[in-house]
């Protein structure tokens, strides 16, 4: 009887091992097919239309001051766009705070073009918004540049610490946090891979592709929009657009991806 049980247990172990190998092979095949699908889409990324519109908005006189955004300083000097997005967020003396690409863009729209905050951020969450187009254009101007958000100013270091704390904090009715999904390798929701921001190569691959065109939404999503939606999915209170909490998270994530070569705008599910 004991021999029979051992025999059965051995066969069960072999069957389990074979099943696990089949699952792993199926997962590998699925990931390969997803990658092929993304590559095909990337060849005709709809984000290119948003990029072209963003360039037009950047160089068109607008707002009460009838001014273009060509004098906007994104950290490398007025009008210097090459590589600027890849080096954000950073501290800006004229604003007295750390700003990401979106908060800095709104700052320029207000100070250069004379818009109110409400005018500058109108419909920021909608497809084909001005913010979406402008950010897509700015990110594309950093394609091929390395991500290198600075931490030399005390405020940048403080925001990094705050962002790291937010990333690992668990809260809300689901006792959930960013790290619940993004601190282990090999996780996936449906067919969407979940980046592991603790592992540098994974963080690099993810951050290098944002902003990105989301096929399921038919629109480009900026990094702020992506993070605010993550808060919603975790059932946390949604932070305001351009809030310090979102900027702090971006500081942390950009530092985790330091050295990655920008590929944005990318394409996602």
C-alpha atoms as a PDB file:
ATOM      1  CA  UNK A   1       0.000   0.000   0.000  1.00  0.00           C
ATOM      2  CA  UNK A   2       2.798   2.380   0.916  1.00  0.00           C
ATOM      3  CA  UNK A   3       4.580   1.586  -2.348  1.00  0.00           C
ATOM      4  CA  UNK A   4       1.422   2.301  -4.315  1.00  0.00           C
ATOM      5  CA  UNK A   5       0.996   5.667  -2.565  1.00  0.00           C
ATOM      6  CA  UNK A   6       4.598   6.596  -3.280  1.00  0.00           C
ATOM      7  CA  UNK A   7       4.143   5.572  -6.912  1.00  0.00           C
ATOM      8  CA  UNK A   8       1.001   7.696  -7.192  1.00  0.00           C
ATOM      9  CA  UNK A   9       2.708  10.652  -5.527  1.00  0.00           C
ATOM     10  CA  UNK A  10       5.634  10.384  -7.926  1.00  0.00           C
ATOM     11  CA  UNK A  11       3.312  10.401 -10.940  1.00  0.00           C
ATOM     12  CA  UNK A  12       1.430  13.372  -9.495  1.00  0.00           C
ATOM     13  CA  UNK A  13       4.685  15.281  -9.057  1.00  0.00           C
ATOM     14  CA  UNK A  14       5.715  14.488 -12.616  1.00  0.00           C
ATOM     15  CA  UNK A  15       2.323  15.593 -13.922  1.00  0.00           C
ATOM     16  CA  UNK A  16       2.545  18.838 -11.947  1.00  0.00           C
ATOM     17  CA  UNK A  17       6.038  19.552 -13.250  1.00  0.00           C
ATOM     18  CA  UNK A  18       4.918  18.879 -16.815  1.00  0.00           C
ATOM     19  CA  UNK A  19       1.913  21.139 -16.319  1.00  0.00           C
ATOM     20  CA  UNK A  20       4.079  23.929 -14.998  1.00  0.00           C
ATOM     21  CA  UNK A  21       6.427  23.595 -17.992  1.00  0.00           C
ATOM     22  CA  UNK A  22       3.441  23.787 -20.342  1.00  0.00           C
ATOM     23  CA  UNK A  23       2.127  26.904 -18.557  1.00  0.00           C
ATOM     24  CA  UNK A  24       5.547  28.540 -18.710  1.00  0.00           C
ATOM     25  CA  UNK A  25       5.834  27.748 -22.407  1.00  0.00           C
ATOM     26  CA  UNK A  26       2.342  29.116 -23.013  1.00  0.00           C
ATOM     27  CA  UNK A  27       3.226  32.294 -21.108  1.00  0.00           C
ATOM     28  CA  UNK A  28       6.425  32.715 -23.139  1.00  0.00           C
ATOM     29  CA  UNK A  29       4.508  32.226 -26.382  1.00  0.00           C
ATOM     30  CA  UNK A  30       1.851  34.734 -25.282  1.00  0.00           C
ATOM     31  CA  UNK A  31       4.474  37.334 -24.419  1.00  0.00           C
ATOM     32  CA  UNK A  32       6.204  36.824 -27.759  1.00  0.00           C
ATOM     33  CA  UNK A  33       2.952  37.302 -29.638  1.00  0.00           C
ATOM     34  CA  UNK A  34       2.133  40.435 -27.621  1.00  0.00           C
ATOM     35  CA  UNK A  35       5.563  41.837 -28.441  1.00  0.00           C
ATOM     36  CA  UNK A  36       5.027  41.163 -32.162  1.00  0.00           C
ATOM     37  CA  UNK A  37       1.659  42.906 -31.966  1.00  0.00           C
ATOM     38  CA  UNK A  38       3.207  45.965 -30.310  1.00  0.00           C
ATOM     39  CA  UNK A  39       5.986  46.143 -32.869  1.00  0.00           C
ATOM     40  CA  UNK A  40       3.463  46.139 -35.701  1.00  0.00           C
ATOM     41  CA  UNK A  41       1.474  48.916 -34.041  1.00  0.00           C
ATOM     42  CA  UNK A  42       4.612  50.937 -33.342  1.00  0.00           C
ATOM     43  CA  UNK A  43       5.323  51.155 -37.063  1.00  0.00           C
ATOM     44  CA  UNK A  44       2.204  53.293 -37.422  1.00  0.00           C
ATOM     45  CA  UNK A  45       1.862  54.706 -33.917  1.00  0.00           C
ATOM     46  CA  UNK A  46      -1.170  57.055 -33.827  1.00  0.00           C
ATOM     47  CA  UNK A  47       0.737  59.149 -31.269  1.00  0.00           C
ATOM     48  CA  UNK A  48       2.599  60.669 -34.201  1.00  0.00           C
ATOM     49  CA  UNK A  49      -0.528  62.669 -35.037  1.00  0.00           C
ATOM     50  CA  UNK A  50      -0.618  64.007 -31.487  1.00  0.00           C
ATOM     51  CA  UNK A  51       3.074  64.868 -31.744  1.00  0.00           C
ATOM     52  CA  UNK A  52       2.517  66.904 -34.921  1.00  0.00           C
ATOM     53  CA  UNK A  53      -0.388  68.759 -33.339  1.00  0.00           C
ATOM     54  CA  UNK A  54       1.727  69.449 -30.262  1.00  0.00           C
ATOM     55  CA  UNK A  55       4.467  71.011 -32.356  1.00  0.00           C
ATOM     56  CA  UNK A  56       1.890  73.257 -34.000  1.00  0.00           C
ATOM     57  CA  UNK A  57       0.514  74.320 -30.614  1.00  0.00           C
ATOM     58  CA  UNK A  58       4.039  74.975 -29.318  1.00  0.00           C
ATOM     59  CA  UNK A  59       4.850  77.387 -32.135  1.00  0.00           C
ATOM     60  CA  UNK A  60       1.427  79.070 -32.461  1.00  0.00           C
ATOM     61  CA  UNK A  61       0.678  82.395 -30.693  1.00  0.00           C
ATOM     62  CA  UNK A  62      -2.045  81.722 -28.134  1.00  0.00           C
ATOM     63  CA  UNK A  63      -3.609  83.040 -24.966  1.00  0.00           C
ATOM     64  CA  UNK A  64      -4.259  86.634 -23.834  1.00  0.00           C
ATOM     65  CA  UNK A  65      -0.621  87.520 -24.556  1.00  0.00           C
ATOM     66  CA  UNK A  66      -0.790  86.070 -28.078  1.00  0.00           C
ATOM     67  CA  UNK A  67       2.585  84.413 -27.481  1.00  0.00           C
ATOM     68  CA  UNK A  68       4.141  81.109 -28.471  1.00  0.00           C
ATOM     69  CA  UNK A  69       5.723  78.668 -26.027  1.00  0.00           C
ATOM     70  CA  UNK A  70       9.091  78.857 -27.734  1.00  0.00           C
ATOM     71  CA  UNK A  71      10.549  80.832 -24.799  1.00  0.00           C
ATOM     72  CA  UNK A  72       9.492  78.188 -22.277  1.00  0.00           C
ATOM     73  CA  UNK A  73      12.391  76.956 -20.135  1.00  0.00           C
ATOM     74  CA  UNK A  74      12.084  73.238 -19.373  1.00  0.00           C
ATOM     75  CA  UNK A  75      15.339  73.214 -17.450  1.00  0.00           C
ATOM     76  CA  UNK A  76      17.952  73.473 -20.175  1.00  0.00           C
ATOM     77  CA  UNK A  77      17.311  77.093 -21.113  1.00  0.00           C
ATOM     78  CA  UNK A  78      14.528  78.959 -22.939  1.00  0.00           C
ATOM     79  CA  UNK A  79      13.450  77.065 -26.032  1.00  0.00           C
ATOM     80  CA  UNK A  80      15.892  74.181 -25.486  1.00  0.00           C
ATOM     81  CA  UNK A  81      13.834  71.019 -25.941  1.00  0.00           C
ATOM     82  CA  UNK A  82      16.318  68.315 -26.917  1.00  0.00           C
ATOM     83  CA  UNK A  83      16.673  66.065 -23.883  1.00  0.00           C
ATOM     84  CA  UNK A  84      14.679  68.369 -21.587  1.00  0.00           C
ATOM     85  CA  UNK A  85      11.813  65.941 -20.971  1.00  0.00           C
ATOM     86  CA  UNK A  86      14.259  63.173 -20.055  1.00  0.00           C
ATOM     87  CA  UNK A  87      15.686  65.381 -17.284  1.00  0.00           C
ATOM     88  CA  UNK A  88      12.396  66.098 -15.568  1.00  0.00           C
ATOM     89  CA  UNK A  89      11.094  66.448 -12.868  1.00  0.00           C
ATOM     90  CA  UNK A  90      13.502  69.017 -11.457  1.00  0.00           C
ATOM     91  CA  UNK A  91      13.567  72.099  -9.230  1.00  0.00           C
ATOM     92  CA  UNK A  92      12.797  75.443 -10.899  1.00  0.00           C
ATOM     93  CA  UNK A  93      13.901  78.602  -9.138  1.00  0.00           C
ATOM     94  CA  UNK A  94      11.243  80.795 -10.769  1.00  0.00           C
ATOM     95  CA  UNK A  95       8.467  78.502  -9.578  1.00  0.00           C
ATOM     96  CA  UNK A  96      10.068  77.715  -6.228  1.00  0.00           C
ATOM     97  CA  UNK A  97       9.237  74.016  -6.500  1.00  0.00           C
ATOM     98  CA  UNK A  98       9.948  70.743  -8.250  1.00  0.00           C
ATOM     99  CA  UNK A  99       7.946  70.414 -11.451  1.00  0.00           C
ATOM    100  CA  UNK A 100       7.388  67.613 -13.920  1.00  0.00           C
ATOM    101  CA  UNK A 101       6.835  68.144 -17.648  1.00  0.00           C
ATOM    102  CA  UNK A 102       3.115  68.808 -17.264  1.00  0.00           C
ATOM    103  CA  UNK A 103       3.291  71.220 -14.334  1.00  0.00           C
ATOM    104  CA  UNK A 104       6.161  73.076 -16.023  1.00  0.00           C
ATOM    105  CA  UNK A 105       4.204  73.279 -19.276  1.00  0.00           C
ATOM    106  CA  UNK A 106       1.204  74.753 -17.469  1.00  0.00           C
ATOM    107  CA  UNK A 107       3.545  77.201 -15.701  1.00  0.00           C
ATOM    108  CA  UNK A 108       4.776  78.422 -19.110  1.00  0.00           C
ATOM    109  CA  UNK A 109       1.259  78.655 -20.512  1.00  0.00           C
ATOM    110  CA  UNK A 110       0.332  80.874 -17.584  1.00  0.00           C
ATOM    111  CA  UNK A 111       3.459  83.056 -17.377  1.00  0.00           C
ATOM    112  CA  UNK A 112       4.247  83.379 -21.088  1.00  0.00           C
ATOM    113  CA  UNK A 113       0.872  83.104 -22.782  1.00  0.00           C
ATOM    114  CA  UNK A 114      -1.142  84.711 -19.978  1.00  0.00           C
ATOM    115  CA  UNK A 115      -3.605  81.862 -19.519  1.00  0.00           C
ATOM    116  CA  UNK A 116      -5.289  81.116 -16.225  1.00  0.00           C
ATOM    117  CA  UNK A 117      -4.666  77.722 -14.648  1.00  0.00           C
ATOM    118  CA  UNK A 118      -8.193  76.718 -15.608  1.00  0.00           C
ATOM    119  CA  UNK A 119      -7.617  77.700 -19.235  1.00  0.00           C
ATOM    120  CA  UNK A 120      -4.248  75.940 -19.418  1.00  0.00           C
ATOM    121  CA  UNK A 121      -5.511  72.661 -17.938  1.00  0.00           C
ATOM    122  CA  UNK A 122      -8.946  72.573 -19.554  1.00  0.00           C
ATOM    123  CA  UNK A 123      -9.929  69.029 -20.571  1.00  0.00           C
ATOM    124  CA  UNK A 124      -6.454  67.709 -19.735  1.00  0.00           C
ATOM    125  CA  UNK A 125      -7.944  64.221 -19.242  1.00  0.00           C
ATOM    126  CA  UNK A 126      -9.756  64.059 -22.576  1.00  0.00           C
ATOM    127  CA  UNK A 127      -8.475  62.487 -25.772  1.00  0.00           C
ATOM    128  CA  UNK A 128      -6.857  65.008 -28.126  1.00  0.00           C
ATOM    129  CA  UNK A 129      -6.487  67.654 -25.415  1.00  0.00           C
ATOM    130  CA  UNK A 130      -3.898  70.395 -25.856  1.00  0.00           C
ATOM    131  CA  UNK A 131      -1.954  69.022 -22.861  1.00  0.00           C
ATOM    132  CA  UNK A 132      -1.834  65.564 -24.421  1.00  0.00           C
ATOM    133  CA  UNK A 133      -0.534  66.911 -27.727  1.00  0.00           C
ATOM    134  CA  UNK A 134       2.058  69.237 -26.201  1.00  0.00           C
ATOM    135  CA  UNK A 135       3.453  66.604 -23.837  1.00  0.00           C
ATOM    136  CA  UNK A 136       3.675  64.080 -26.678  1.00  0.00           C
ATOM    137  CA  UNK A 137       5.675  66.598 -28.698  1.00  0.00           C
ATOM    138  CA  UNK A 138       7.998  67.452 -25.811  1.00  0.00           C
ATOM    139  CA  UNK A 139       8.643  63.796 -24.999  1.00  0.00           C
ATOM    140  CA  UNK A 140       9.373  63.005 -28.652  1.00  0.00           C
ATOM    141  CA  UNK A 141      12.013  65.754 -28.626  1.00  0.00           C
ATOM    142  CA  UNK A 142      13.892  63.663 -26.046  1.00  0.00           C
ATOM    143  CA  UNK A 143      13.796  60.434 -28.056  1.00  0.00           C
ATOM    144  CA  UNK A 144      17.241  58.836 -27.924  1.00  0.00           C
ATOM    145  CA  UNK A 145      18.245  60.819 -24.815  1.00  0.00           C
ATOM    146  CA  UNK A 146      18.947  59.197 -21.444  1.00  0.00           C
ATOM    147  CA  UNK A 147      16.608  59.660 -18.478  1.00  0.00           C
ATOM    148  CA  UNK A 148      18.492  61.631 -15.848  1.00  0.00           C
ATOM    149  CA  UNK A 149      16.224  63.487 -13.421  1.00  0.00           C
ATOM    150  CA  UNK A 150      18.497  65.404 -10.992  1.00  0.00           C
ATOM    151  CA  UNK A 151      18.599  65.051  -7.200  1.00  0.00           C
ATOM    152  CA  UNK A 152      21.125  67.793  -6.470  1.00  0.00           C
ATOM    153  CA  UNK A 153      18.670  70.309  -4.961  1.00  0.00           C
ATOM    154  CA  UNK A 154      17.309  69.638  -1.442  1.00  0.00           C
ATOM    155  CA  UNK A 155      13.739  69.885  -2.760  1.00  0.00           C
ATOM    156  CA  UNK A 156      14.462  67.260  -5.399  1.00  0.00           C
ATOM    157  CA  UNK A 157      15.825  64.928  -2.713  1.00  0.00           C
ATOM    158  CA  UNK A 158      12.791  65.589  -0.509  1.00  0.00           C
ATOM    159  CA  UNK A 159      10.394  64.833  -3.359  1.00  0.00           C
ATOM    160  CA  UNK A 160      12.276  61.620  -4.116  1.00  0.00           C
ATOM    161  CA  UNK A 161      11.861  60.478  -0.503  1.00  0.00           C
ATOM    162  CA  UNK A 162       8.176  61.392  -0.575  1.00  0.00           C
ATOM    163  CA  UNK A 163       7.664  59.539  -3.859  1.00  0.00           C
ATOM    164  CA  UNK A 164       9.421  56.452  -2.540  1.00  0.00           C
ATOM    165  CA  UNK A 165       7.258  56.486   0.577  1.00  0.00           C
ATOM    166  CA  UNK A 166       4.108  56.794  -1.535  1.00  0.00           C
ATOM    167  CA  UNK A 167       5.232  53.930  -3.768  1.00  0.00           C
ATOM    168  CA  UNK A 168       5.566  51.511  -0.856  1.00  0.00           C
ATOM    169  CA  UNK A 169       2.662  52.779   1.236  1.00  0.00           C
ATOM    170  CA  UNK A 170      -0.401  50.516   1.461  1.00  0.00           C
ATOM    171  CA  UNK A 171      -3.716  52.147   2.216  1.00  0.00           C
ATOM    172  CA  UNK A 172      -7.366  52.434   1.224  1.00  0.00           C
ATOM    173  CA  UNK A 173     -10.181  49.865   1.447  1.00  0.00           C
ATOM    174  CA  UNK A 174      -8.112  47.259  -0.441  1.00  0.00           C
ATOM    175  CA  UNK A 175      -4.951  47.793   1.642  1.00  0.00           C
ATOM    176  CA  UNK A 176      -3.211  48.387  -1.671  1.00  0.00           C
ATOM    177  CA  UNK A 177      -0.199  50.347  -2.840  1.00  0.00           C
ATOM    178  CA  UNK A 178       1.902  50.871  -5.962  1.00  0.00           C
ATOM    179  CA  UNK A 179       4.315  48.203  -4.756  1.00  0.00           C
ATOM    180  CA  UNK A 180       1.499  45.637  -4.545  1.00  0.00           C
ATOM    181  CA  UNK A 181       1.661  45.299  -8.338  1.00  0.00           C
ATOM    182  CA  UNK A 182       5.036  46.780  -9.201  1.00  0.00           C
ATOM    183  CA  UNK A 183       7.657  45.237  -6.931  1.00  0.00           C
ATOM    184  CA  UNK A 184       7.839  41.658  -8.236  1.00  0.00           C
ATOM    185  CA  UNK A 185       8.924  40.222 -11.567  1.00  0.00           C
ATOM    186  CA  UNK A 186       6.609  38.350 -13.923  1.00  0.00           C
ATOM    187  CA  UNK A 187       3.293  39.848 -12.859  1.00  0.00           C
ATOM    188  CA  UNK A 188       0.597  40.548 -15.397  1.00  0.00           C
ATOM    189  CA  UNK A 189      -2.984  41.790 -15.506  1.00  0.00           C
ATOM    190  CA  UNK A 190      -4.793  40.098 -18.399  1.00  0.00           C
ATOM    191  CA  UNK A 191      -2.267  40.511 -21.234  1.00  0.00           C
ATOM    192  CA  UNK A 192      -0.558  43.583 -19.786  1.00  0.00           C
ATOM    193  CA  UNK A 193       2.849  43.095 -18.229  1.00  0.00           C
ATOM    194  CA  UNK A 194       3.350  44.900 -14.931  1.00  0.00           C
ATOM    195  CA  UNK A 195       6.753  46.566 -14.610  1.00  0.00           C
ATOM    196  CA  UNK A 196       8.805  45.843 -11.526  1.00  0.00           C
ATOM    197  CA  UNK A 197      10.118  49.244 -10.450  1.00  0.00           C
ATOM    198  CA  UNK A 198      12.504  47.708  -7.953  1.00  0.00           C
ATOM    199  CA  UNK A 199      14.389  46.024 -10.780  1.00  0.00           C
ATOM    200  CA  UNK A 200      16.160  48.751 -12.758  1.00  0.00           C
ATOM    201  CA  UNK A 201      15.936  47.192 -16.212  1.00  0.00           C
ATOM    202  CA  UNK A 202      12.194  46.742 -15.863  1.00  0.00           C
ATOM    203  CA  UNK A 203      11.779  50.341 -14.681  1.00  0.00           C
ATOM    204  CA  UNK A 204      13.875  51.556 -17.596  1.00  0.00           C
ATOM    205  CA  UNK A 205      11.777  49.727 -20.199  1.00  0.00           C
ATOM    206  CA  UNK A 206       8.550  51.152 -18.809  1.00  0.00           C
ATOM    207  CA  UNK A 207       9.485  54.771 -18.151  1.00  0.00           C
ATOM    208  CA  UNK A 208      11.289  55.138 -21.491  1.00  0.00           C
ATOM    209  CA  UNK A 209       7.979  54.661 -23.343  1.00  0.00           C
ATOM    210  CA  UNK A 210       5.762  57.232 -21.616  1.00  0.00           C
ATOM    211  CA  UNK A 211       3.753  59.163 -22.680  1.00  0.00           C
ATOM    212  CA  UNK A 212       2.184  56.368 -24.690  1.00  0.00           C
ATOM    213  CA  UNK A 213      -0.712  55.751 -27.041  1.00  0.00           C
ATOM    214  CA  UNK A 214      -3.183  53.404 -25.343  1.00  0.00           C
ATOM    215  CA  UNK A 215      -4.937  51.222 -27.884  1.00  0.00           C
ATOM    216  CA  UNK A 216      -7.782  50.416 -25.473  1.00  0.00           C
ATOM    217  CA  UNK A 217      -8.455  54.142 -24.948  1.00  0.00           C
ATOM    218  CA  UNK A 218      -7.716  55.425 -28.438  1.00  0.00           C
ATOM    219  CA  UNK A 219      -5.628  58.256 -27.010  1.00  0.00           C
ATOM    220  CA  UNK A 220      -2.203  59.223 -25.735  1.00  0.00           C
ATOM    221  CA  UNK A 221      -1.932  59.105 -21.964  1.00  0.00           C
ATOM    222  CA  UNK A 222       0.596  61.267 -20.162  1.00  0.00           C
ATOM    223  CA  UNK A 223       2.474  60.044 -17.115  1.00  0.00           C
ATOM    224  CA  UNK A 224       0.281  62.084 -14.776  1.00  0.00           C
ATOM    225  CA  UNK A 225      -2.883  60.651 -16.260  1.00  0.00           C
ATOM    226  CA  UNK A 226      -1.476  57.121 -15.907  1.00  0.00           C
ATOM    227  CA  UNK A 227      -0.572  57.643 -12.239  1.00  0.00           C
ATOM    228  CA  UNK A 228      -3.875  59.297 -11.330  1.00  0.00           C
ATOM    229  CA  UNK A 229      -5.692  56.332 -12.877  1.00  0.00           C
ATOM    230  CA  UNK A 230      -3.535  53.991 -10.774  1.00  0.00           C
ATOM    231  CA  UNK A 231      -4.754  55.794  -7.644  1.00  0.00           C
ATOM    232  CA  UNK A 232      -8.328  55.295  -8.830  1.00  0.00           C
ATOM    233  CA  UNK A 233      -7.775  51.582  -9.404  1.00  0.00           C
ATOM    234  CA  UNK A 234      -6.279  51.211  -5.918  1.00  0.00           C
ATOM    235  CA  UNK A 235      -9.441  52.908  -4.556  1.00  0.00           C
ATOM    236  CA  UNK A 236      -7.354  55.687  -3.041  1.00  0.00           C
ATOM    237  CA  UNK A 237      -8.646  59.269  -3.109  1.00  0.00           C
ATOM    238  CA  UNK A 238      -7.615  60.607  -6.500  1.00  0.00           C
ATOM    239  CA  UNK A 239      -4.957  63.343  -6.260  1.00  0.00           C
ATOM    240  CA  UNK A 240      -5.484  66.583  -8.118  1.00  0.00           C
ATOM    241  CA  UNK A 241      -3.897  67.043 -11.501  1.00  0.00           C
ATOM    242  CA  UNK A 242      -0.384  68.542 -11.126  1.00  0.00           C
ATOM    243  CA  UNK A 243      -0.385  67.751  -7.396  1.00  0.00           C
ATOM    244  CA  UNK A 244       2.886  67.407  -5.493  1.00  0.00           C
ATOM    245  CA  UNK A 245       2.027  63.754  -4.754  1.00  0.00           C
ATOM    246  CA  UNK A 246       2.037  62.868  -8.448  1.00  0.00           C
ATOM    247  CA  UNK A 247       5.216  64.849  -9.114  1.00  0.00           C
ATOM    248  CA  UNK A 248       6.930  63.130  -6.164  1.00  0.00           C
ATOM    249  CA  UNK A 249       6.030  59.695  -7.529  1.00  0.00           C
ATOM    250  CA  UNK A 250       7.430  60.713 -10.904  1.00  0.00           C
ATOM    251  CA  UNK A 251      10.704  61.799  -9.278  1.00  0.00           C
ATOM    252  CA  UNK A 252      11.032  58.361  -7.678  1.00  0.00           C
ATOM    253  CA  UNK A 253      10.110  56.437 -10.837  1.00  0.00           C
ATOM    254  CA  UNK A 254      12.398  58.512 -13.065  1.00  0.00           C
ATOM    255  CA  UNK A 255      15.312  57.933 -10.715  1.00  0.00           C
ATOM    256  CA  UNK A 256      14.604  54.199 -10.763  1.00  0.00           C
ATOM    257  CA  UNK A 257      14.819  54.362 -14.566  1.00  0.00           C
ATOM    258  CA  UNK A 258      17.936  56.536 -14.649  1.00  0.00           C
ATOM    259  CA  UNK A 259      20.024  55.820 -17.722  1.00  0.00           C
ATOM    260  CA  UNK A 260      17.175  54.473 -19.845  1.00  0.00           C
ATOM    261  CA  UNK A 261      17.082  55.735 -23.434  1.00  0.00           C
ATOM    262  CA  UNK A 262      13.845  57.527 -24.228  1.00  0.00           C
ATOM    263  CA  UNK A 263      11.592  55.860 -26.811  1.00  0.00           C
ATOM    264  CA  UNK A 264       8.419  57.876 -26.237  1.00  0.00           C
ATOM    265  CA  UNK A 265       5.792  58.150 -27.406  1.00  0.00           C
ATOM    266  CA  UNK A 266       5.292  54.419 -26.891  1.00  0.00           C
ATOM    267  CA  UNK A 267       2.273  52.223 -27.417  1.00  0.00           C
ATOM    268  CA  UNK A 268       0.370  50.262 -24.768  1.00  0.00           C
ATOM    269  CA  UNK A 269      -2.715  48.104 -24.490  1.00  0.00           C
END
